[in-house]
Amino acid sequence: MILAIDVGNTGIAFGFYKEQSIVHHEKVSSKPYRTKDEIVMLLNNICNHKKIQPADVEGCAISSVVPPLTEQVRQGAEELFACKPLLVTHGLKTGLNIRIDVHTQLGSDIVANNVAAANILPKPFAVIDLGTATTISAVNSSGELNGVIIIPGTRLAVDALSASAAELPYISLSRPKALLGKNTQDSMVSGCIYGTACMIDGIIDKLKTEFNTNQLSVIACGGLVDEIIPYCKTRIEVNRFLTLDGLVQLYYMNQRKVKSYI
């Protein structure tokens, strides 16, 4: 069994895989930041809840965009599962031809997303990740990852709006009742959901122009896919475990490198 761990700004996702298929999944909040011992207890509780024996976990791959948690999660996984986790950083074998200025600035979650997408989508393709930030990355017909668009996430944007405008309340993101809201809350929900969906459609259209094609495969993941993607006009495949799938594929791509550490 392989464990994939995706440490994001909002949550930590855990995926347990057998033969590259996810069999158990759990997600917890990233905050407050935890110590290594707390991570060990958290992982042990998840294993107990899912009826998983730690000894059955033979490998682990970790993506983290939260530096204060990266080492704690790595050490915690190593202690409980007695294996050397693969930390996704610059220099690993990915199968991607990455065409960006500074490779070390490319988020490990974006790398994992595109590795997974490359195995299931024809090129060119785009990957949308709707998390704390909304990221859109794209691979052209030659298999080159050409770059990334980073946008304030929908939840982050609406919270900033509420914090900065005295008469606007904090709201939960739900299904809009109509395009034009009849009260403040409905107006905010409509603006956030439809606004993000239209933005995504517009960017996808621009990417088609950028790549000079009408055929662009699009896949989406992240915590807000269910809230946003149904309102996009673009045909977008949804894979809630895309990042975790990519981590497991990266683990197998770099298995010799992992073994050499032990």
C-alpha atoms as a PDB file:
ATOM      1  CA  MET A   1       0.000   0.000   0.000  1.00  0.00           C
ATOM      2  CA  ILE A   2       1.221   3.505  -0.903  1.00  0.00           C
ATOM      3  CA  LEU A   3       0.238   6.616   1.040  1.00  0.00           C
ATOM      4  CA  ALA A   4      -0.046   9.954  -0.792  1.00  0.00           C
ATOM      5  CA  ILE A   5      -0.130  13.118   1.320  1.00  0.00           C
ATOM      6  CA  ASP A   6      -1.011  16.518  -0.116  1.00  0.00           C
ATOM      7  CA  VAL A   7      -0.310  19.360   2.330  1.00  0.00           C
ATOM      8  CA  GLY A   8      -2.200  22.462   1.243  1.00  0.00           C
ATOM      9  CA  ASN A   9      -2.819  25.848   2.794  1.00  0.00           C
ATOM     10  CA  THR A  10      -6.345  24.896   3.854  1.00  0.00           C
ATOM     11  CA  GLY A  11      -6.214  21.132   4.351  1.00  0.00           C
ATOM     12  CA  ILE A  12      -4.065  18.014   4.369  1.00  0.00           C
ATOM     13  CA  ALA A  13      -5.354  15.191   2.169  1.00  0.00           C
ATOM     14  CA  PHE A  14      -4.346  11.570   2.717  1.00  0.00           C
ATOM     15  CA  GLY A  15      -4.889   8.872   0.109  1.00  0.00           C
ATOM     16  CA  PHE A  16      -4.115   5.181   0.611  1.00  0.00           C
ATOM     17  CA  TYR A  17      -3.539   3.317  -2.668  1.00  0.00           C
ATOM     18  CA  LYS A  18      -3.419  -0.299  -3.733  1.00  0.00           C
ATOM     19  CA  GLU A  19      -2.137  -0.948  -7.273  1.00  0.00           C
ATOM     20  CA  GLN A  20      -2.450   2.783  -8.028  1.00  0.00           C
ATOM     21  CA  SER A  21      -6.155   2.836  -7.100  1.00  0.00           C
ATOM     22  CA  ILE A  22      -7.311   4.848  -4.114  1.00  0.00           C
ATOM     23  CA  VAL A  23      -8.974   2.731  -1.436  1.00  0.00           C
ATOM     24  CA  HIS A  24      -9.134   5.127   1.527  1.00  0.00           C
ATOM     25  CA  HIS A  25      -9.229   8.900   1.719  1.00  0.00           C
ATOM     26  CA  GLU A  26      -9.181  11.393   4.564  1.00  0.00           C
ATOM     27  CA  LYS A  27      -8.803  15.182   4.783  1.00  0.00           C
ATOM     28  CA  VAL A  28      -8.079  17.347   7.829  1.00  0.00           C
ATOM     29  CA  SER A  29      -7.412  21.033   8.361  1.00  0.00           C
ATOM     30  CA  SER A  30      -3.871  22.322   7.859  1.00  0.00           C
ATOM     31  CA  LYS A  31      -4.279  24.723  10.770  1.00  0.00           C
ATOM     32  CA  PRO A  32      -3.217  24.980  13.447  1.00  0.00           C
ATOM     33  CA  TYR A  33       0.216  23.789  12.379  1.00  0.00           C
ATOM     34  CA  ARG A  34       1.125  20.513  14.079  1.00  0.00           C
ATOM     35  CA  THR A  35       4.274  19.029  15.540  1.00  0.00           C
ATOM     36  CA  LYS A  36       5.810  15.786  14.309  1.00  0.00           C
ATOM     37  CA  ASP A  37       4.329  13.887  17.279  1.00  0.00           C
ATOM     38  CA  GLU A  38       0.864  15.277  16.490  1.00  0.00           C
ATOM     39  CA  ILE A  39       1.243  14.144  12.878  1.00  0.00           C
ATOM     40  CA  VAL A  40       2.154  10.643  14.089  1.00  0.00           C
ATOM     41  CA  MET A  41      -0.957  10.544  16.291  1.00  0.00           C
ATOM     42  CA  LEU A  42      -3.108  11.895  13.466  1.00  0.00           C
ATOM     43  CA  LEU A  43      -1.848   9.296  10.993  1.00  0.00           C
ATOM     44  CA  ASN A  44      -2.246   6.534  13.567  1.00  0.00           C
ATOM     45  CA  ASN A  45      -5.844   7.610  14.242  1.00  0.00           C
ATOM     46  CA  ILE A  46      -6.592   7.612  10.513  1.00  0.00           C
ATOM     47  CA  CYS A  47      -5.137   4.100  10.171  1.00  0.00           C
ATOM     48  CA  ASN A  48      -7.194   2.878  13.119  1.00  0.00           C
ATOM     49  CA  HIS A  49     -10.343   4.469  11.692  1.00  0.00           C
ATOM     50  CA  LYS A  50      -9.741   2.958   8.241  1.00  0.00           C
ATOM     51  CA  LYS A  51      -8.583  -0.368   9.702  1.00  0.00           C
ATOM     52  CA  ILE A  52      -5.144  -0.056   8.077  1.00  0.00           C
ATOM     53  CA  GLN A  53      -2.057  -1.644   9.584  1.00  0.00           C
ATOM     54  CA  PRO A  54       0.888   0.816   9.433  1.00  0.00           C
ATOM     55  CA  ALA A  55       3.136  -2.092   8.463  1.00  0.00           C
ATOM     56  CA  ASP A  56       1.089  -2.478   5.257  1.00  0.00           C
ATOM     57  CA  VAL A  57       2.176   0.977   4.075  1.00  0.00           C
ATOM     58  CA  GLU A  58       5.347   0.303   2.105  1.00  0.00           C
ATOM     59  CA  GLY A  59       5.847   3.732   0.569  1.00  0.00           C
ATOM     60  CA  CYS A  60       4.797   7.358   0.879  1.00  0.00           C
ATOM     61  CA  ALA A  61       4.847  10.419  -1.397  1.00  0.00           C
ATOM     62  CA  ILE A  62       4.355  13.938  -0.052  1.00  0.00           C
ATOM     63  CA  SER A  63       3.501  17.219  -1.737  1.00  0.00           C
ATOM     64  CA  SER A  64       3.585  20.308   0.454  1.00  0.00           C
ATOM     65  CA  VAL A  65       3.093  24.017  -0.209  1.00  0.00           C
ATOM     66  CA  VAL A  66       3.208  24.799   3.527  1.00  0.00           C
ATOM     67  CA  PRO A  67       6.873  25.005   4.621  1.00  0.00           C
ATOM     68  CA  PRO A  68       6.070  25.059   8.385  1.00  0.00           C
ATOM     69  CA  LEU A  69       4.400  21.636   7.990  1.00  0.00           C
ATOM     70  CA  THR A  70       6.584  19.937   5.394  1.00  0.00           C
ATOM     71  CA  GLU A  71       9.255  18.490   7.648  1.00  0.00           C
ATOM     72  CA  GLN A  72       6.826  17.578  10.434  1.00  0.00           C
ATOM     73  CA  VAL A  73       4.680  15.574   8.015  1.00  0.00           C
ATOM     74  CA  ARG A  74       7.710  13.905   6.452  1.00  0.00           C
ATOM     75  CA  GLN A  75       9.162  12.916   9.818  1.00  0.00           C
ATOM     76  CA  GLY A  76       5.789  11.766  11.145  1.00  0.00           C
ATOM     77  CA  ALA A  77       5.153   9.521   8.154  1.00  0.00           C
ATOM     78  CA  GLU A  78       8.666   8.113   8.320  1.00  0.00           C
ATOM     79  CA  GLU A  79       8.317   7.296  12.025  1.00  0.00           C
ATOM     80  CA  LEU A  80       4.927   5.580  11.807  1.00  0.00           C
ATOM     81  CA  PHE A  81       5.366   3.692   8.554  1.00  0.00           C
ATOM     82  CA  ALA A  82       9.091   2.924   8.751  1.00  0.00           C
ATOM     83  CA  CYS A  83       9.674   4.008   5.165  1.00  0.00           C
ATOM     84  CA  LYS A  84      11.505   6.911   3.588  1.00  0.00           C
ATOM     85  CA  PRO A  85       8.848   9.260   2.166  1.00  0.00           C
ATOM     86  CA  LEU A  86       9.359  10.732  -1.279  1.00  0.00           C
ATOM     87  CA  LEU A  87       9.118  14.519  -0.959  1.00  0.00           C
ATOM     88  CA  VAL A  88       8.160  16.092  -4.271  1.00  0.00           C
ATOM     89  CA  THR A  89      10.793  18.741  -4.980  1.00  0.00           C
ATOM     90  CA  HIS A  90      12.744  20.001  -7.966  1.00  0.00           C
ATOM     91  CA  GLY A  91      14.940  17.323  -9.502  1.00  0.00           C
ATOM     92  CA  LEU A  92      12.576  14.356  -9.415  1.00  0.00           C
ATOM     93  CA  LYS A  93      11.692  12.425 -12.536  1.00  0.00           C
ATOM     94  CA  THR A  94       8.260  13.669 -13.639  1.00  0.00           C
ATOM     95  CA  GLY A  95       7.912  12.827 -17.314  1.00  0.00           C
ATOM     96  CA  LEU A  96       7.046  16.501 -17.909  1.00  0.00           C
ATOM     97  CA  ASN A  97       8.947  18.940 -20.095  1.00  0.00           C
ATOM     98  CA  ILE A  98       8.671  21.952 -17.799  1.00  0.00           C
ATOM     99  CA  ARG A  99       9.174  25.290 -19.560  1.00  0.00           C
ATOM    100  CA  ILE A 100       9.207  27.883 -16.795  1.00  0.00           C
ATOM    101  CA  ASP A 101      11.840  30.367 -15.639  1.00  0.00           C
ATOM    102  CA  VAL A 102      12.526  28.992 -12.152  1.00  0.00           C
ATOM    103  CA  HIS A 103      11.683  25.322 -11.658  1.00  0.00           C
ATOM    104  CA  THR A 104      11.958  25.562  -7.884  1.00  0.00           C
ATOM    105  CA  GLN A 105       9.033  27.985  -7.866  1.00  0.00           C
ATOM    106  CA  LEU A 106       6.642  25.457  -9.408  1.00  0.00           C
ATOM    107  CA  GLY A 107       4.355  24.112  -6.682  1.00  0.00           C
ATOM    108  CA  SER A 108       4.684  20.401  -5.997  1.00  0.00           C
ATOM    109  CA  ASP A 109       0.884  20.064  -6.135  1.00  0.00           C
ATOM    110  CA  ILE A 110       0.871  21.538  -9.646  1.00  0.00           C
ATOM    111  CA  VAL A 111       3.559  19.049 -10.664  1.00  0.00           C
ATOM    112  CA  ALA A 112       1.500  16.159  -9.283  1.00  0.00           C
ATOM    113  CA  ASN A 113      -1.670  17.433 -10.980  1.00  0.00           C
ATOM    114  CA  ASN A 114      -0.010  17.584 -14.378  1.00  0.00           C
ATOM    115  CA  VAL A 115       1.694  14.204 -13.995  1.00  0.00           C
ATOM    116  CA  ALA A 116      -1.715  12.631 -13.309  1.00  0.00           C
ATOM    117  CA  ALA A 117      -3.435  14.589 -16.091  1.00  0.00           C
ATOM    118  CA  ALA A 118      -0.772  13.595 -18.635  1.00  0.00           C
ATOM    119  CA  ASN A 119      -1.687   9.941 -18.059  1.00  0.00           C
ATOM    120  CA  ILE A 120      -5.399  10.370 -18.764  1.00  0.00           C
ATOM    121  CA  LEU A 121      -5.808  13.339 -21.117  1.00  0.00           C
ATOM    122  CA  PRO A 122      -4.784  13.952 -24.724  1.00  0.00           C
ATOM    123  CA  LYS A 123      -2.541  16.954 -25.310  1.00  0.00           C
ATOM    124  CA  PRO A 124      -2.928  19.882 -25.183  1.00  0.00           C
ATOM    125  CA  PHE A 125      -4.643  20.081 -21.814  1.00  0.00           C
ATOM    126  CA  ALA A 126      -5.244  22.420 -18.894  1.00  0.00           C
ATOM    127  CA  VAL A 127      -5.487  21.619 -15.189  1.00  0.00           C
ATOM    128  CA  ILE A 128      -7.593  23.733 -12.834  1.00  0.00           C
ATOM    129  CA  ASP A 129      -7.051  23.446  -9.085  1.00  0.00           C
ATOM    130  CA  LEU A 130      -9.716  25.232  -7.033  1.00  0.00           C
ATOM    131  CA  GLY A 131      -8.173  25.554  -3.595  1.00  0.00           C
ATOM    132  CA  THR A 132      -6.969  28.390  -1.388  1.00  0.00           C
ATOM    133  CA  ALA A 133      -5.616  29.778  -4.654  1.00  0.00           C
ATOM    134  CA  THR A 134      -7.107  28.955  -8.024  1.00  0.00           C
ATOM    135  CA  THR A 135      -4.339  27.718 -10.306  1.00  0.00           C
ATOM    136  CA  ILE A 136      -4.573  26.945 -14.006  1.00  0.00           C
ATOM    137  CA  SER A 137      -1.638  25.188 -15.652  1.00  0.00           C
ATOM    138  CA  ALA A 138      -1.378  24.107 -19.261  1.00  0.00           C
ATOM    139  CA  VAL A 139       0.537  21.578 -21.332  1.00  0.00           C
ATOM    140  CA  ASN A 140       0.786  22.164 -25.091  1.00  0.00           C
ATOM    141  CA  SER A 141       0.532  19.649 -27.925  1.00  0.00           C
ATOM    142  CA  SER A 142       4.296  19.010 -27.702  1.00  0.00           C
ATOM    143  CA  GLY A 143       3.977  17.951 -24.066  1.00  0.00           C
ATOM    144  CA  GLU A 144       5.542  21.095 -22.627  1.00  0.00           C
ATOM    145  CA  LEU A 145       4.194  22.559 -19.391  1.00  0.00           C
ATOM    146  CA  ASN A 146       4.179  26.162 -20.567  1.00  0.00           C
ATOM    147  CA  GLY A 147       3.312  27.931 -17.334  1.00  0.00           C
ATOM    148  CA  VAL A 148       0.778  28.609 -14.612  1.00  0.00           C
ATOM    149  CA  ILE A 149      -1.892  31.196 -13.806  1.00  0.00           C
ATOM    150  CA  ILE A 150      -2.387  31.921 -10.090  1.00  0.00           C
ATOM    151  CA  ILE A 151      -5.591  33.652  -8.963  1.00  0.00           C
ATOM    152  CA  PRO A 152      -6.944  34.381  -5.463  1.00  0.00           C
ATOM    153  CA  GLY A 153      -9.168  31.454  -4.541  1.00  0.00           C
ATOM    154  CA  THR A 154     -12.936  31.923  -4.420  1.00  0.00           C
ATOM    155  CA  ARG A 155     -13.144  31.399  -0.662  1.00  0.00           C
ATOM    156  CA  LEU A 156     -10.204  33.718  -0.078  1.00  0.00           C
ATOM    157  CA  ALA A 157     -11.727  36.385  -2.325  1.00  0.00           C
ATOM    158  CA  VAL A 158     -15.140  36.355  -0.660  1.00  0.00           C
ATOM    159  CA  ASP A 159     -13.580  36.453   2.814  1.00  0.00           C
ATOM    160  CA  ALA A 160     -11.444  39.428   1.780  1.00  0.00           C
ATOM    161  CA  LEU A 161     -14.540  41.147   0.420  1.00  0.00           C
ATOM    162  CA  SER A 162     -16.401  40.580   3.680  1.00  0.00           C
ATOM    163  CA  ALA A 163     -13.450  41.795   5.739  1.00  0.00           C
ATOM    164  CA  SER A 164     -12.979  44.958   3.682  1.00  0.00           C
ATOM    165  CA  ALA A 165     -16.609  46.008   3.168  1.00  0.00           C
ATOM    166  CA  ALA A 166     -18.321  46.925   6.447  1.00  0.00           C
ATOM    167  CA  GLU A 167     -21.858  46.005   5.341  1.00  0.00           C
ATOM    168  CA  LEU A 168     -21.028  42.727   3.619  1.00  0.00           C
ATOM    169  CA  PRO A 169     -21.397  39.603   5.790  1.00  0.00           C
ATOM    170  CA  TYR A 170     -19.285  36.449   5.895  1.00  0.00           C
ATOM    171  CA  ILE A 171     -21.110  33.833   3.845  1.00  0.00           C
ATOM    172  CA  SER A 172     -20.905  30.155   2.979  1.00  0.00           C
ATOM    173  CA  LEU A 173     -20.504  29.180  -0.656  1.00  0.00           C
ATOM    174  CA  SER A 174     -23.599  27.383  -1.867  1.00  0.00           C
ATOM    175  CA  ARG A 175     -25.658  26.907  -5.024  1.00  0.00           C
ATOM    176  CA  PRO A 176     -26.743  30.319  -6.359  1.00  0.00           C
ATOM    177  CA  LYS A 177     -30.501  30.841  -6.322  1.00  0.00           C
ATOM    178  CA  ALA A 178     -30.339  33.014  -9.430  1.00  0.00           C
ATOM    179  CA  LEU A 179     -27.866  35.000 -11.498  1.00  0.00           C
ATOM    180  CA  LEU A 180     -29.203  38.258 -10.051  1.00  0.00           C
ATOM    181  CA  GLY A 181     -29.412  38.106  -6.264  1.00  0.00           C
ATOM    182  CA  LYS A 182     -32.378  39.649  -4.443  1.00  0.00           C
ATOM    183  CA  ASN A 183     -30.494  40.200  -1.186  1.00  0.00           C
ATOM    184  CA  THR A 184     -26.912  40.802  -0.103  1.00  0.00           C
ATOM    185  CA  GLN A 185     -26.032  37.189   0.647  1.00  0.00           C
ATOM    186  CA  ASP A 186     -27.532  35.818  -2.576  1.00  0.00           C
ATOM    187  CA  SER A 187     -25.836  38.585  -4.556  1.00  0.00           C
ATOM    188  CA  MET A 188     -22.450  37.700  -3.064  1.00  0.00           C
ATOM    189  CA  VAL A 189     -22.920  33.964  -3.676  1.00  0.00           C
ATOM    190  CA  SER A 190     -23.936  34.607  -7.280  1.00  0.00           C
ATOM    191  CA  GLY A 191     -20.990  36.936  -7.850  1.00  0.00           C
ATOM    192  CA  CYS A 192     -18.450  34.509  -6.413  1.00  0.00           C
ATOM    193  CA  ILE A 193     -19.742  31.352  -8.101  1.00  0.00           C
ATOM    194  CA  TYR A 194     -20.697  32.739 -11.504  1.00  0.00           C
ATOM    195  CA  GLY A 195     -17.760  35.147 -11.470  1.00  0.00           C
ATOM    196  CA  THR A 196     -15.238  32.349 -10.944  1.00  0.00           C
ATOM    197  CA  ALA A 197     -16.964  30.085 -13.476  1.00  0.00           C
ATOM    198  CA  CYS A 198     -16.975  32.800 -16.152  1.00  0.00           C
ATOM    199  CA  MET A 199     -13.353  33.636 -15.390  1.00  0.00           C
ATOM    200  CA  ILE A 200     -12.389  29.993 -15.927  1.00  0.00           C
ATOM    201  CA  ASP A 201     -14.320  29.862 -19.209  1.00  0.00           C
ATOM    202  CA  GLY A 202     -12.601  33.036 -20.376  1.00  0.00           C
ATOM    203  CA  ILE A 203      -9.130  31.793 -19.516  1.00  0.00           C
ATOM    204  CA  ILE A 204      -9.755  28.462 -21.236  1.00  0.00           C
ATOM    205  CA  ASP A 205     -10.803  30.354 -24.374  1.00  0.00           C
ATOM    206  CA  LYS A 206      -7.589  32.388 -24.196  1.00  0.00           C
ATOM    207  CA  LEU A 207      -5.541  29.214 -23.769  1.00  0.00           C
ATOM    208  CA  LYS A 208      -7.120  27.785 -26.913  1.00  0.00           C
ATOM    209  CA  THR A 209      -6.042  30.917 -28.752  1.00  0.00           C
ATOM    210  CA  GLU A 210      -2.570  30.693 -27.169  1.00  0.00           C
ATOM    211  CA  PHE A 211      -2.175  27.107 -28.365  1.00  0.00           C
ATOM    212  CA  ASN A 212      -3.942  27.783 -31.679  1.00  0.00           C
ATOM    213  CA  THR A 213      -6.418  24.947 -31.177  1.00  0.00           C
ATOM    214  CA  ASN A 214     -10.098  24.302 -30.602  1.00  0.00           C
ATOM    215  CA  GLN A 215      -9.318  20.990 -28.907  1.00  0.00           C
ATOM    216  CA  LEU A 216      -8.160  21.577 -25.337  1.00  0.00           C
ATOM    217  CA  SER A 217      -8.818  18.916 -22.712  1.00  0.00           C
ATOM    218  CA  VAL A 218      -9.592  20.362 -19.279  1.00  0.00           C
ATOM    219  CA  ILE A 219      -9.630  18.680 -15.870  1.00  0.00           C
ATOM    220  CA  ALA A 220     -10.319  20.163 -12.451  1.00  0.00           C
ATOM    221  CA  CYS A 221      -9.589  19.256  -8.851  1.00  0.00           C
ATOM    222  CA  GLY A 222      -9.539  21.005  -5.479  1.00  0.00           C
ATOM    223  CA  GLY A 223     -11.927  21.626  -2.639  1.00  0.00           C
ATOM    224  CA  LEU A 224     -14.304  23.892  -4.563  1.00  0.00           C
ATOM    225  CA  VAL A 225     -14.830  21.852  -7.752  1.00  0.00           C
ATOM    226  CA  ASP A 226     -18.404  20.912  -6.807  1.00  0.00           C
ATOM    227  CA  GLU A 227     -19.318  24.540  -6.145  1.00  0.00           C
ATOM    228  CA  ILE A 228     -17.755  26.071  -9.273  1.00  0.00           C
ATOM    229  CA  ILE A 229     -17.384  23.622 -12.168  1.00  0.00           C
ATOM    230  CA  PRO A 230     -21.137  22.930 -12.710  1.00  0.00           C
ATOM    231  CA  TYR A 231     -21.523  26.611 -13.673  1.00  0.00           C
ATOM    232  CA  CYS A 232     -18.792  26.607 -16.320  1.00  0.00           C
ATOM    233  CA  LYS A 233     -19.853  26.386 -19.966  1.00  0.00           C
ATOM    234  CA  THR A 234     -16.584  24.634 -20.835  1.00  0.00           C
ATOM    235  CA  ARG A 235     -16.623  20.852 -20.733  1.00  0.00           C
ATOM    236  CA  ILE A 236     -14.432  20.080 -17.731  1.00  0.00           C
ATOM    237  CA  GLU A 237     -13.681  16.660 -16.290  1.00  0.00           C
ATOM    238  CA  VAL A 238     -13.586  16.503 -12.487  1.00  0.00           C
ATOM    239  CA  ASN A 239     -11.132  14.325 -10.552  1.00  0.00           C
ATOM    240  CA  ARG A 240     -11.149  15.069  -6.826  1.00  0.00           C
ATOM    241  CA  PHE A 241      -8.108  12.846  -6.264  1.00  0.00           C
ATOM    242  CA  LEU A 242      -5.996  14.165  -9.132  1.00  0.00           C
ATOM    243  CA  THR A 243      -3.181  15.481  -6.902  1.00  0.00           C
ATOM    244  CA  LEU A 244      -3.032  12.274  -4.867  1.00  0.00           C
ATOM    245  CA  ASP A 245      -3.079  10.175  -8.058  1.00  0.00           C
ATOM    246  CA  GLY A 246      -0.148  12.186  -9.367  1.00  0.00           C
ATOM    247  CA  LEU A 247       1.799  11.703  -6.149  1.00  0.00           C
ATOM    248  CA  VAL A 248       1.470   7.939  -6.381  1.00  0.00           C
ATOM    249  CA  GLN A 249       2.593   8.022 -10.011  1.00  0.00           C
ATOM    250  CA  LEU A 250       5.592  10.159  -9.006  1.00  0.00           C
ATOM    251  CA  TYR A 251       6.409   7.633  -6.284  1.00  0.00           C
ATOM    252  CA  TYR A 252       6.592   4.798  -8.802  1.00  0.00           C
ATOM    253  CA  MET A 253       8.547   6.919 -11.318  1.00  0.00           C
ATOM    254  CA  ASN A 254      11.174   7.611  -8.656  1.00  0.00           C
ATOM    255  CA  GLN A 255      11.075   4.303  -6.785  1.00  0.00           C
ATOM    256  CA  ARG A 256      14.757   3.553  -7.311  1.00  0.00           C
ATOM    257  CA  LYS A 257      15.669   6.957  -5.953  1.00  0.00           C
ATOM    258  CA  VAL A 258      13.527   6.353  -2.860  1.00  0.00           C
ATOM    259  CA  LYS A 259      15.131   2.967  -2.249  1.00  0.00           C
ATOM    260  CA  SER A 260      18.610   4.422  -2.560  1.00  0.00           C
ATOM    261  CA  TYR A 261      17.929   6.647   0.472  1.00  0.00           C
ATOM    262  CA  ILE A 262      17.243   3.723   2.780  1.00  0.00           C
END
